[in-house]
Amino acid sequence: MVASAEQGRDAQSVRPSRPVAHTVEQLAHLTGAQIVTSQGASDVPVTGVVLNSREIQPGDLYSALPGARTHGAQFAADAAASGAVAILTDAAGADLVAQAAVDLPVLVSDDPRAWTGRIAAEIYNSQPEDGSAQKLFAVTGTNGKTTTTYFLTSILRALGHTTGLIGTIEILAGDTPIPSKLTTPEAPHVHSLLSLMRERGIGATAMEVSSHALEFHRVDGVRYNVAGFTNLTQDHLDLHGSMEAYFEVKAQLFTAERAERAVVLLTEGDQWGEAMARRARENLGSDHVTSVALRGNIGDDAHAGPERSGADWTLNSLTRRGIGHAFTLQHRDGRKLKVSTALPGDFNVANAALAVLMVLESGVDLDTLQKALDEHDPLTTDVPGRMQLIGTRPTSVVDFAHNPDAMVRALQSVEPTEEGGRTIIVFGATGRRDTSKRPIMGRIAAEGADIVIVTDDDPHDEDPAPIREQVAQGAREAQEHGARAAEVHVIAPREVAIHTAVRMARPEDSIILAGRGHEVFQDLNGVVHPLDDRVELRAALDALHSGRKEQS
């Protein structure tokens, strides 16, 4: 299908104004791909790269990749009609192009996806060597990526940079949102975004790099100044199959091809942080890798120094600061950084420590960084849908926790402080994803909350009732073995579950809505419904507080 006018405008809005044109012959030399000639000219300049035929603009190279259901080459005629001047594909795709009698030169590669990012990097000149390139920060790991990127941009702004952000919640150039139809941009979008941001004067950009982005070559051709690792816990095993395979995909970021320097969080007893630090040192050299020890339970006041932890930096002197924390980062050579964040949760201490040290490793002077931390309090910043406080009495929080480790941490963070306070959790499980997590999540909820309400997350095209029951069964089995939960309820739809939780709550209680965070739509068997946990929670709290006023 030929691109609509609206789609064309969206595609144009995320493109730099000064691409570096390459001929098909030059791209063939770059990639080693074979040129299959046709009546189309192979010396026509290529000025853009696109994976989606509906986003084609005149002068583009159409990267026609094999998919799970269809081959992108089936849309070669549509791409040509929209102005594509060449096609990159595999042998099967080349046959489809020939069958469709599309008169464009075709670049044939055994792995066209692997070359798409590198071609986009050349054409969009996303990281020029003339000194104008922005500093790039990448954050990977199972949990904490989003918050860490927000912390990074906040610190960098406090240091005087105009910042960019590429993440799962939004894409920003300074304070200006950039439209994107993808949660994780594909390689051409990544390179065009980076180039566009440089044109707009962005000096530093932080980006979430998921395992999907690495697995599917979405950040190929990008080299980051500093890459950070948060943690590795069970998630995405439907894609990777095992934790070992999941680790190997994440480790791709910590190579000389993709990163100059690395910062790795180490948690006592966590094999994956130690393994990632070792792998990064092997790939980047020990002088280019910094580790920070968080110890086992960073909720305990820590006083172990770097000489005892074996890490470059150690987090210690942790104390409460309101609902957040203040702490010290101490290097083995005696240097110290005093840090604080008002965001609740031990995991946000870890995210803050990672962000601070990533900025330090980018070349910022320690005293300059400390001054920015002291004067601007940059780690007290809103992160949509991440431990986002919606109301008090009852304390009401929305969080993206959607895997076992994140749920444990989220529940610990909302533990009521008033005597007699209870924790109420509302959550579900996603359809067509790692089904082994479902009873585990139910068990964790029952162990960490007093009232468990199981509802729907995004069932997608899976029947939601069995999903709810698998989660609830894990909670009930935990109850049978003495878990904390006094009540386990199964309530759908999610809006009703949220309002029920609020009606059940007392002023001293805590409510956490887990799993969806910032998301504003729910997928029920392919039908998209508007649903924002934050909106529903505010409405329920307003109704509760209005009722209390009427009774008083």
Protein backbone atom coordinates (compact mmCIF):
# COMPACT_ATOMS: atom_id res chain seq x y z
CA MET A 1 0.00 0.00 0.00
CA VAL A 2 1.29 3.44 -0.90
CA ALA A 3 2.00 5.72 2.04
CA SER A 4 -0.72 8.11 3.11
CA ALA A 5 -0.07 11.86 3.33
CA GLU A 6 -0.20 11.68 7.14
CA GLN A 7 2.35 8.87 7.25
CA GLY A 8 4.60 10.81 4.90
CA ARG A 9 4.49 13.86 7.18
CA ASP A 10 5.34 11.70 10.21
CA ALA A 11 8.29 10.17 8.39
CA GLN A 12 9.50 13.58 7.20
CA SER A 13 9.31 15.01 10.72
CA VAL A 14 12.00 12.65 12.02
CA ARG A 15 14.46 13.12 9.15
CA PRO A 16 17.53 15.32 9.10
CA SER A 17 17.62 18.06 6.49
CA ARG A 18 21.12 17.29 5.20
CA PRO A 19 21.56 13.58 4.39
CA VAL A 20 24.77 12.40 2.72
CA ALA A 21 23.79 10.95 -0.64
CA HIS A 22 25.34 7.61 -1.67
CA THR A 23 24.99 5.77 -4.95
CA VAL A 24 24.00 2.14 -5.09
CA GLU A 25 27.56 1.27 -6.14
CA GLN A 26 28.91 2.99 -3.03
CA LEU A 27 26.45 1.12 -0.81
CA ALA A 28 27.41 -2.16 -2.45
CA HIS A 29 31.07 -1.41 -1.72
CA LEU A 30 30.19 -0.57 1.89
CA THR A 31 28.18 -3.74 2.51
CA GLY A 32 29.74 -6.22 0.13
CA ALA A 33 26.28 -6.82 -1.29
CA GLN A 34 25.76 -7.93 -4.87
CA ILE A 35 23.98 -5.54 -7.23
CA VAL A 36 21.26 -7.17 -9.30
CA THR A 37 20.77 -4.73 -12.15
CA SER A 38 17.49 -3.90 -13.79
CA GLN A 39 16.30 -1.05 -15.92
CA GLY A 40 16.68 1.21 -12.90
CA ALA A 41 19.85 3.30 -12.71
CA SER A 42 22.41 2.28 -10.09
CA ASP A 43 24.04 5.72 -10.00
CA VAL A 44 20.96 7.55 -8.72
CA PRO A 45 21.69 9.13 -5.32
CA VAL A 46 20.19 7.43 -2.28
CA THR A 47 19.20 9.99 0.39
CA GLY A 48 17.19 7.94 2.88
CA VAL A 49 16.67 4.44 4.29
CA VAL A 50 13.29 2.93 5.15
CA LEU A 51 12.06 -0.43 6.46
CA ASN A 52 8.35 0.31 6.07
CA SER A 53 7.16 0.71 2.48
CA ARG A 54 4.46 3.13 3.67
CA GLU A 55 7.13 5.60 4.81
CA ILE A 56 9.00 5.77 1.50
CA GLN A 57 9.98 9.17 0.19
CA PRO A 58 11.62 9.98 -3.13
CA GLY A 59 15.31 9.03 -3.06
CA ASP A 60 14.97 6.27 -0.44
CA LEU A 61 16.55 2.87 -0.24
CA TYR A 62 13.84 0.36 0.68
CA SER A 63 15.20 -2.30 3.02
CA ALA A 64 12.91 -5.24 2.22
CA LEU A 65 13.41 -7.76 5.00
CA PRO A 66 11.93 -11.21 5.61
CA GLY A 67 9.27 -11.19 8.34
CA ALA A 68 7.41 -13.74 10.41
CA ARG A 69 4.39 -13.70 8.06
CA THR A 70 5.35 -11.81 4.92
CA HIS A 71 8.49 -10.73 3.12
CA GLY A 72 9.04 -7.01 2.77
CA ALA A 73 9.89 -7.52 -0.89
CA GLN A 74 6.22 -8.19 -1.55
CA PHE A 75 5.74 -4.44 -1.18
CA ALA A 76 8.54 -3.50 -3.57
CA ALA A 77 6.13 -2.19 -6.20
CA ASP A 78 4.47 0.09 -3.63
CA ALA A 79 7.90 1.34 -2.56
CA ALA A 80 8.86 2.09 -6.15
CA ALA A 81 5.58 3.93 -6.73
CA SER A 82 6.33 6.10 -3.69
CA GLY A 83 9.77 7.11 -4.97
CA ALA A 84 12.23 4.44 -3.79
CA VAL A 85 15.35 4.39 -5.97
CA ALA A 86 16.86 1.07 -4.82
CA ILE A 87 16.09 -2.02 -2.75
CA LEU A 88 18.18 -3.91 -0.19
CA THR A 89 17.03 -7.49 0.40
CA ASP A 90 18.05 -11.15 0.50
CA ALA A 91 18.01 -13.73 -2.31
CA ALA A 92 14.38 -14.67 -1.67
CA GLY A 93 13.44 -11.00 -1.73
CA ALA A 94 15.31 -10.44 -4.98
CA ASP A 95 13.24 -13.20 -6.58
CA LEU A 96 10.04 -11.51 -5.41
CA VAL A 97 11.20 -8.16 -6.80
CA ALA A 98 11.99 -9.81 -10.14
CA GLN A 99 8.59 -11.52 -10.24
CA ALA A 100 6.91 -8.16 -9.65
CA ALA A 101 8.96 -6.63 -12.49
CA VAL A 102 10.04 -3.71 -10.31
CA ASP A 103 12.57 -1.67 -12.27
CA LEU A 104 14.97 -0.72 -9.49
CA PRO A 105 18.53 -1.79 -8.74
CA VAL A 106 18.58 -4.42 -6.01
CA LEU A 107 21.32 -4.95 -3.42
CA VAL A 108 21.34 -8.61 -2.37
CA SER A 109 22.83 -9.58 0.99
CA ASP A 110 22.72 -12.74 3.11
CA ASP A 111 21.74 -10.59 6.10
CA PRO A 112 20.17 -7.32 4.92
CA ARG A 113 18.88 -6.46 8.40
CA ALA A 114 22.44 -6.39 9.75
CA TRP A 115 23.45 -3.85 7.10
CA THR A 116 20.43 -1.56 7.32
CA GLY A 117 21.72 0.30 10.37
CA ARG A 118 25.20 0.76 8.95
CA ILE A 119 23.79 2.15 5.71
CA ALA A 120 21.52 4.50 7.67
CA ALA A 121 24.50 5.68 9.73
CA GLU A 122 26.34 6.64 6.52
CA ILE A 123 23.44 8.34 4.78
CA TYR A 124 22.17 10.24 7.82
CA ASN A 125 25.71 10.95 9.07
CA SER A 126 24.47 10.30 12.60
CA GLN A 127 27.92 10.34 14.25
CA PRO A 128 30.24 12.57 12.23
CA GLU A 129 33.95 12.56 12.99
CA ASP A 130 34.30 16.35 12.74
CA GLY A 131 33.72 16.94 16.43
CA SER A 132 30.05 17.87 16.08
CA ALA A 133 28.70 14.53 17.28
CA GLN A 134 26.63 14.60 20.45
CA LYS A 135 27.51 12.49 23.47
CA LEU A 136 25.48 9.28 23.50
CA PHE A 137 24.46 7.29 26.58
CA ALA A 138 22.92 3.81 26.37
CA VAL A 139 21.18 2.02 29.23
CA THR A 140 20.35 -1.67 29.11
CA GLY A 141 19.14 -4.24 31.62
CA THR A 142 15.82 -5.79 32.59
CA ASN A 143 14.58 -3.09 34.97
CA GLY A 144 15.46 0.55 35.48
CA LYS A 145 16.29 1.58 31.91
CA THR A 146 13.62 4.25 31.61
CA THR A 147 14.22 5.90 34.97
CA THR A 148 17.99 5.89 34.46
CA THR A 149 17.65 7.67 31.10
CA TYR A 150 15.44 10.31 32.71
CA PHE A 151 17.99 10.72 35.49
CA LEU A 152 20.76 11.04 32.89
CA THR A 153 18.99 13.78 30.95
CA SER A 154 18.17 15.64 34.16
CA ILE A 155 21.81 15.59 35.30
CA LEU A 156 23.03 16.62 31.86
CA ARG A 157 20.60 19.53 31.80
CA ALA A 158 21.83 20.61 35.21
CA LEU A 159 25.32 20.66 33.65
CA GLY A 160 24.10 22.97 30.89
CA HIS A 161 23.51 20.53 28.03
CA THR A 162 20.53 20.58 25.71
CA THR A 163 19.47 16.96 25.85
CA GLY A 164 17.76 14.31 23.77
CA LEU A 165 15.90 11.23 24.94
CA ILE A 166 14.99 8.08 23.02
CA GLY A 167 12.92 5.75 25.15
CA THR A 168 9.85 3.63 25.57
CA ILE A 169 7.74 6.49 26.92
CA GLU A 170 8.70 9.28 24.55
CA ILE A 171 11.29 10.72 22.21
CA LEU A 172 12.41 14.25 23.01
CA ALA A 173 14.71 16.79 21.41
CA GLY A 174 15.14 19.23 24.26
CA ASP A 175 11.55 19.78 25.42
CA THR A 176 10.09 19.09 21.97
CA PRO A 177 8.41 15.70 21.42
CA ILE A 178 9.30 13.94 18.18
CA PRO A 179 6.53 11.76 16.77
CA SER A 180 7.22 8.06 16.45
CA LYS A 181 4.92 5.14 15.78
CA LEU A 182 7.37 2.65 17.28
CA THR A 183 8.13 1.89 20.93
CA THR A 184 11.68 0.92 20.01
CA PRO A 185 12.72 2.72 16.83
CA GLU A 186 14.14 0.66 13.98
CA ALA A 187 17.71 1.30 12.84
CA PRO A 188 16.87 3.91 10.15
CA HIS A 189 14.75 5.83 12.66
CA VAL A 190 17.50 5.72 15.29
CA HIS A 191 20.11 7.19 12.94
CA SER A 192 17.76 9.78 11.48
CA LEU A 193 16.72 10.80 15.01
CA LEU A 194 20.32 11.18 16.15
CA SER A 195 21.16 13.29 13.12
CA LEU A 196 18.00 15.38 13.50
CA MET A 197 18.81 16.00 17.16
CA ARG A 198 22.31 17.14 16.28
CA GLU A 199 20.82 19.59 13.77
CA ARG A 200 18.63 20.96 16.56
CA GLY A 201 21.59 21.60 18.82
CA ILE A 202 21.28 18.60 21.11
CA GLY A 203 24.58 18.06 22.90
CA ALA A 204 23.85 14.77 24.66
CA THR A 205 21.26 12.03 24.21
CA ALA A 206 20.27 9.15 26.48
CA MET A 207 18.72 6.04 24.97
CA GLU A 208 17.15 2.87 26.28
CA VAL A 209 18.60 -0.19 24.54
CA SER A 210 16.43 -3.26 25.00
CA SER A 211 17.32 -6.85 24.23
CA HIS A 212 14.89 -6.64 21.32
CA ALA A 213 16.80 -3.65 19.95
CA LEU A 214 20.04 -5.62 20.06
CA GLU A 215 18.56 -8.89 18.81
CA PHE A 216 16.89 -7.24 15.82
CA HIS A 217 19.80 -4.92 14.88
CA ARG A 218 17.91 -1.72 15.75
CA VAL A 219 21.02 0.02 17.12
CA ASP A 220 23.51 -1.32 14.59
CA GLY A 221 25.92 1.36 13.47
CA VAL A 222 25.57 3.37 16.72
CA ARG A 223 28.57 3.74 19.03
CA TYR A 224 27.84 5.10 22.50
CA ASN A 225 30.22 7.15 24.63
CA VAL A 226 29.01 5.36 27.77
CA ALA A 227 26.86 2.24 28.11
CA GLY A 228 25.27 1.33 31.44
CA PHE A 229 23.98 -1.98 32.82
CA THR A 230 21.24 -2.06 35.45
CA ASN A 231 20.44 -5.72 36.16
CA LEU A 232 19.28 -8.96 34.58
CA THR A 233 16.22 -10.78 35.88
CA GLN A 234 13.66 -13.09 34.33
CA ASP A 235 11.93 -11.45 31.38
CA HIS A 236 11.57 -11.91 27.62
CA LEU A 237 12.34 -15.63 27.82
CA ASP A 238 9.65 -16.09 25.16
CA LEU A 239 12.17 -14.46 22.81
CA HIS A 240 15.51 -15.58 24.21
CA GLY A 241 14.67 -19.00 25.62
CA SER A 242 17.04 -18.90 28.62
CA MET A 243 18.73 -16.45 30.95
CA GLU A 244 22.09 -17.34 29.42
CA ALA A 245 20.87 -16.43 25.93
CA TYR A 246 19.25 -13.27 27.32
CA PHE A 247 22.60 -12.30 28.87
CA GLU A 248 24.48 -12.89 25.62
CA VAL A 249 22.18 -10.52 23.76
CA LYS A 250 22.61 -7.81 26.40
CA ALA A 251 26.38 -8.32 26.34
CA GLN A 252 26.46 -7.26 22.67
CA LEU A 253 26.21 -3.66 23.87
CA PHE A 254 29.48 -3.91 25.81
CA THR A 255 31.79 -4.34 22.84
CA ALA A 256 34.22 -1.92 21.22
CA GLU A 257 31.97 -1.72 18.18
CA ARG A 258 29.09 -0.34 20.24
CA ALA A 259 30.54 1.44 23.28
CA GLU A 260 33.61 3.39 24.34
CA ARG A 261 33.12 3.03 28.09
CA ALA A 262 30.84 1.08 30.43
CA VAL A 263 29.38 1.35 33.93
CA VAL A 264 27.99 -1.84 35.49
CA LEU A 265 25.89 -2.19 38.65
CA LEU A 266 26.85 -5.08 40.94
CA THR A 267 24.42 -6.54 43.45
CA GLU A 268 25.64 -9.04 46.00
CA GLY A 269 24.68 -12.56 44.97
CA ASP A 270 23.73 -11.51 41.43
CA GLN A 271 25.83 -13.48 38.96
CA TRP A 272 24.77 -11.43 35.96
CA GLY A 273 26.25 -8.09 37.04
CA GLU A 274 29.60 -9.70 37.81
CA ALA A 275 29.47 -11.60 34.52
CA MET A 276 28.68 -8.43 32.57
CA ALA A 277 31.53 -6.55 34.23
CA ARG A 278 33.96 -9.33 33.28
CA ARG A 279 32.67 -9.43 29.70
CA ALA A 280 32.89 -5.66 29.36
CA ARG A 281 36.48 -5.65 30.65
CA GLU A 282 37.42 -8.36 28.15
CA ASN A 283 35.89 -6.39 25.28
CA LEU A 284 36.67 -2.79 26.24
CA GLY A 285 39.69 -3.10 28.52
CA SER A 286 39.69 -2.72 32.30
CA ASP A 287 40.44 1.00 32.14
CA HIS A 288 37.21 1.57 30.24
CA VAL A 289 34.88 -0.26 32.63
CA THR A 290 33.62 1.02 35.98
CA SER A 291 31.70 -1.11 38.47
CA VAL A 292 29.62 0.03 41.43
CA ALA A 293 28.71 -2.30 44.30
CA LEU A 294 25.18 -1.98 45.64
CA ARG A 295 25.50 -4.80 48.17
CA GLY A 296 22.65 -7.25 48.71
CA ASN A 297 19.88 -5.19 50.31
CA ILE A 298 20.65 -1.55 49.76
CA GLY A 299 17.76 -0.72 52.03
CA ASP A 300 20.16 -1.43 54.92
CA ASP A 301 22.53 1.35 55.92
CA ALA A 302 25.75 0.38 54.16
CA HIS A 303 29.23 1.21 55.31
CA ALA A 304 31.35 -1.24 53.36
CA GLY A 305 34.11 0.58 51.52
CA PRO A 306 35.36 -0.12 47.99
CA GLU A 307 38.32 -2.01 49.39
CA ARG A 308 35.88 -4.60 50.80
CA SER A 309 33.46 -4.78 47.88
CA GLY A 310 36.01 -5.35 45.12
CA ALA A 311 34.21 -2.78 42.96
CA ASP A 312 35.53 0.55 41.69
CA TRP A 313 32.77 2.41 43.52
CA THR A 314 30.65 1.41 46.50
CA LEU A 315 27.30 2.82 47.56
CA ASN A 316 27.25 3.54 51.28
CA SER A 317 25.87 5.83 54.02
CA LEU A 318 22.34 5.26 52.74
CA THR A 319 19.68 7.20 54.68
CA ARG A 320 16.05 8.12 54.12
CA ARG A 321 15.25 11.52 52.65
CA GLY A 322 11.49 11.93 52.78
CA ILE A 323 10.16 9.06 50.67
CA GLY A 324 13.50 8.94 48.85
CA HIS A 325 17.11 8.48 49.91
CA ALA A 326 20.46 10.20 50.29
CA PHE A 327 23.68 8.24 49.91
CA THR A 328 27.38 8.42 49.13
CA LEU A 329 29.30 6.88 46.25
CA GLN A 330 32.90 6.20 47.27
CA HIS A 331 35.72 5.25 44.89
CA ARG A 332 38.52 2.92 45.93
CA ASP A 333 40.92 5.87 45.60
CA GLY A 334 38.97 7.89 48.19
CA ARG A 335 36.94 10.15 45.90
CA LYS A 336 33.32 10.64 46.94
CA LEU A 337 30.06 11.85 45.48
CA LYS A 338 27.09 12.78 47.65
CA VAL A 339 23.82 11.92 45.92
CA SER A 340 20.13 12.10 46.73
CA THR A 341 16.82 11.33 45.03
CA ALA A 342 13.28 11.97 46.19
CA LEU A 343 11.91 9.05 44.15
CA PRO A 344 10.83 6.15 46.36
CA GLY A 345 12.37 2.70 46.23
CA ASP A 346 15.76 1.11 46.71
CA PHE A 347 15.89 0.43 42.98
CA ASN A 348 15.79 4.17 42.30
CA VAL A 349 18.91 4.50 44.46
CA ALA A 350 20.55 2.02 42.08
CA ASN A 351 19.24 3.89 39.01
CA ALA A 352 20.51 7.19 40.41
CA ALA A 353 23.95 5.75 41.16
CA LEU A 354 24.23 4.38 37.64
CA ALA A 355 23.21 7.67 36.03
CA VAL A 356 25.64 9.72 38.13
CA LEU A 357 28.60 7.48 37.34
CA MET A 358 27.75 7.29 33.64
CA VAL A 359 27.89 11.08 33.48
CA LEU A 360 31.19 11.06 35.39
CA GLU A 361 32.63 8.49 32.98
CA SER A 362 31.66 10.66 30.02
CA GLY A 363 34.42 13.07 31.04
CA VAL A 364 32.68 15.46 33.43
CA ASP A 365 34.89 16.70 36.27
CA LEU A 366 33.89 15.27 39.66
CA ASP A 367 33.68 18.66 41.38
CA THR A 368 31.58 20.05 38.54
CA LEU A 369 29.25 17.07 38.78
CA GLN A 370 28.96 17.40 42.56
CA LYS A 371 28.08 21.08 42.22
CA ALA A 372 25.29 20.24 39.76
CA LEU A 373 23.93 17.55 42.09
CA ASP A 374 23.98 19.94 45.04
CA GLU A 375 22.53 23.00 43.35
CA HIS A 376 19.90 21.49 41.04
CA ASP A 377 18.74 18.26 42.74
CA PRO A 378 18.45 16.66 39.28
CA LEU A 379 17.59 13.19 40.59
CA THR A 380 14.26 14.45 41.89
CA THR A 381 12.44 14.35 38.58
CA ASP A 382 9.16 12.94 37.36
CA VAL A 383 9.31 9.71 35.38
CA PRO A 384 5.91 8.91 33.84
CA GLY A 385 4.52 5.64 35.12
CA ARG A 386 7.61 4.74 37.15
CA MET A 387 6.79 4.77 40.87
CA GLN A 388 4.56 7.71 40.04
CA LEU A 389 2.74 9.02 43.11
CA ILE A 390 -0.88 9.75 42.22
CA GLY A 391 -2.34 10.43 45.65
CA THR A 392 -1.98 10.16 49.40
CA ARG A 393 -4.19 8.75 52.16
CA PRO A 394 -4.20 6.14 50.79
CA THR A 395 -0.74 6.32 49.25
CA SER A 396 -1.46 5.50 45.60
CA VAL A 397 1.28 4.65 43.11
CA VAL A 398 1.43 3.55 39.47
CA ASP A 399 4.48 1.57 38.35
CA PHE A 400 5.57 -0.35 35.27
CA ALA A 401 6.64 -3.40 37.31
CA HIS A 402 5.81 -6.29 34.98
CA ASN A 403 8.31 -8.99 35.92
CA PRO A 404 9.13 -10.77 39.20
CA ASP A 405 12.14 -8.72 40.28
CA ALA A 406 10.45 -5.39 39.53
CA MET A 407 7.35 -6.44 41.46
CA VAL A 408 9.36 -7.40 44.54
CA ARG A 409 11.08 -4.02 44.51
CA ALA A 410 7.87 -2.09 43.88
CA LEU A 411 6.07 -3.79 46.76
CA GLN A 412 8.95 -3.08 49.12
CA SER A 413 8.84 0.58 48.11
CA VAL A 414 5.18 1.15 48.96
CA GLU A 415 5.21 -0.60 52.35
CA PRO A 416 2.90 1.48 54.62
CA THR A 417 4.61 3.43 57.38
CA GLU A 418 1.53 3.96 59.55
CA GLU A 419 0.53 1.33 62.07
CA GLY A 420 -2.18 -0.93 60.70
CA GLY A 421 -1.50 0.09 57.10
CA ARG A 422 -2.08 -2.54 54.42
CA THR A 423 -0.66 -2.95 50.92
CA ILE A 424 -3.15 -3.48 48.09
CA ILE A 425 -1.83 -4.51 44.67
CA VAL A 426 -3.69 -4.50 41.34
CA PHE A 427 -1.95 -6.22 38.44
CA GLY A 428 -2.20 -8.78 35.65
CA ALA A 429 -0.01 -10.53 33.10
CA THR A 430 0.53 -9.86 29.42
CA GLY A 431 -0.81 -12.28 26.85
CA ARG A 432 1.48 -14.09 24.40
CA ARG A 433 4.49 -13.51 26.63
CA ASP A 434 6.57 -15.63 28.99
CA THR A 435 3.80 -17.70 30.58
CA SER A 436 6.10 -19.09 33.27
CA LYS A 437 6.08 -15.67 34.95
CA ARG A 438 2.36 -15.72 35.67
CA PRO A 439 2.20 -17.94 38.80
CA ILE A 440 5.51 -16.45 39.98
CA MET A 441 4.02 -12.96 39.83
CA GLY A 442 0.98 -14.19 41.73
CA ARG A 443 3.17 -15.71 44.44
CA ILE A 444 5.24 -12.54 44.79
CA ALA A 445 2.10 -10.42 45.08
CA ALA A 446 0.72 -12.67 47.82
CA GLU A 447 4.02 -12.56 49.69
CA GLY A 448 4.36 -8.78 49.53
CA ALA A 449 0.78 -7.48 49.77
CA ASP A 450 -2.15 -7.86 52.13
CA ILE A 451 -4.82 -7.69 49.42
CA VAL A 452 -4.16 -9.04 45.92
CA ILE A 453 -6.42 -8.06 43.03
CA VAL A 454 -5.66 -9.93 39.82
CA THR A 455 -7.00 -8.33 36.66
CA ASP A 456 -6.08 -7.89 32.98
CA ASP A 457 -2.92 -6.30 31.60
CA ASP A 458 -2.71 -6.56 27.79
CA PRO A 459 -4.15 -9.97 26.87
CA HIS A 460 -3.60 -9.29 23.15
CA ASP A 461 -5.28 -12.15 21.25
CA GLU A 462 -5.14 -14.59 24.17
CA ASP A 463 -8.25 -15.36 26.24
CA PRO A 464 -7.83 -13.13 29.33
CA ALA A 465 -9.68 -15.40 31.79
CA PRO A 466 -7.06 -18.21 31.81
CA ILE A 467 -4.29 -15.63 32.17
CA ARG A 468 -5.97 -14.20 35.25
CA GLU A 469 -6.48 -17.67 36.67
CA GLN A 470 -2.82 -18.67 36.17
CA VAL A 471 -1.72 -15.56 38.06
CA ALA A 472 -4.32 -16.02 40.79
CA GLN A 473 -3.40 -19.68 41.24
CA GLY A 474 0.15 -18.65 42.08
CA ALA A 475 -1.21 -16.25 44.70
CA ARG A 476 -3.58 -18.84 46.21
CA GLU A 477 -0.84 -21.47 46.44
CA ALA A 478 1.34 -18.92 48.23
CA GLN A 479 -1.54 -18.26 50.64
CA GLU A 480 -1.72 -21.98 51.41
CA HIS A 481 1.95 -21.87 52.37
CA GLY A 482 1.49 -18.96 54.77
CA ALA A 483 1.97 -15.94 52.52
CA ARG A 484 1.07 -12.49 53.79
CA ALA A 485 -2.04 -11.93 51.65
CA ALA A 486 -5.32 -12.23 53.53
CA GLU A 487 -7.40 -11.79 50.37
CA VAL A 488 -6.98 -12.73 46.71
CA HIS A 489 -9.56 -11.38 44.26
CA VAL A 490 -9.97 -11.79 40.51
CA ILE A 491 -11.71 -8.73 39.04
CA ALA A 492 -12.14 -7.62 35.44
CA PRO A 493 -12.15 -5.31 33.62
CA ARG A 494 -9.12 -3.43 34.91
CA GLU A 495 -11.03 -0.18 35.50
CA VAL A 496 -13.38 -1.98 37.88
CA ALA A 497 -10.42 -3.59 39.66
CA ILE A 498 -8.82 -0.17 40.19
CA HIS A 499 -11.98 1.42 41.57
CA THR A 500 -12.57 -1.64 43.79
CA ALA A 501 -9.06 -1.35 45.25
CA VAL A 502 -9.60 2.31 46.10
CA ARG A 503 -12.98 1.62 47.75
CA MET A 504 -11.34 -1.11 49.86
CA ALA A 505 -8.50 1.13 50.99
CA ARG A 506 -8.19 2.90 54.33
CA PRO A 507 -6.29 6.21 54.68
CA GLU A 508 -3.23 4.44 56.15
CA ASP A 509 -3.05 1.88 53.31
CA SER A 510 -0.89 1.82 50.18
CA ILE A 511 -2.21 0.95 46.71
CA ILE A 512 0.05 0.03 43.81
CA LEU A 513 -1.12 -0.50 40.24
CA ALA A 514 1.58 -2.58 38.60
CA GLY A 515 2.43 -3.62 35.07
CA ARG A 516 1.26 -0.87 32.72
CA GLY A 517 2.87 2.31 34.01
CA HIS A 518 2.69 5.03 31.35
CA GLU A 519 0.67 3.01 28.84
CA VAL A 520 -2.60 4.58 27.70
CA PHE A 521 -4.15 1.79 25.59
CA GLN A 522 -5.12 -1.80 26.35
CA ASP A 523 -5.14 -4.51 23.67
CA LEU A 524 -8.07 -6.91 24.06
CA ASN A 525 -8.11 -9.42 21.22
CA GLY A 526 -6.85 -6.89 18.73
CA VAL A 527 -9.27 -4.17 19.82
CA VAL A 528 -7.49 -1.18 21.35
CA HIS A 529 -9.22 0.41 24.33
CA PRO A 530 -8.15 3.71 25.93
CA LEU A 531 -6.95 2.90 29.44
CA ASP A 532 -4.54 4.88 31.60
CA ASP A 533 -3.96 3.56 35.13
CA ARG A 534 -3.10 7.06 36.31
CA VAL A 535 -6.36 8.55 35.02
CA GLU A 536 -8.46 5.74 36.47
CA LEU A 537 -6.67 5.93 39.81
CA ARG A 538 -7.12 9.70 40.07
CA ALA A 539 -10.83 9.35 39.25
CA ALA A 540 -11.27 6.64 41.87
CA LEU A 541 -9.41 8.69 44.49
CA ASP A 542 -11.47 11.79 43.68
CA ALA A 543 -14.64 9.77 44.19
CA LEU A 544 -13.29 8.35 47.46
CA HIS A 545 -12.29 11.73 48.85
CA SER A 546 -15.58 13.30 47.78
CA GLY A 547 -17.43 10.54 49.59
CA ARG A 548 -15.40 11.13 52.74
CA LYS A 549 -16.19 14.86 52.66
CA GLU A 550 -19.90 14.14 52.32
CA GLN A 551 -19.77 11.80 55.31
CA SER A 552 -17.82 14.25 57.49
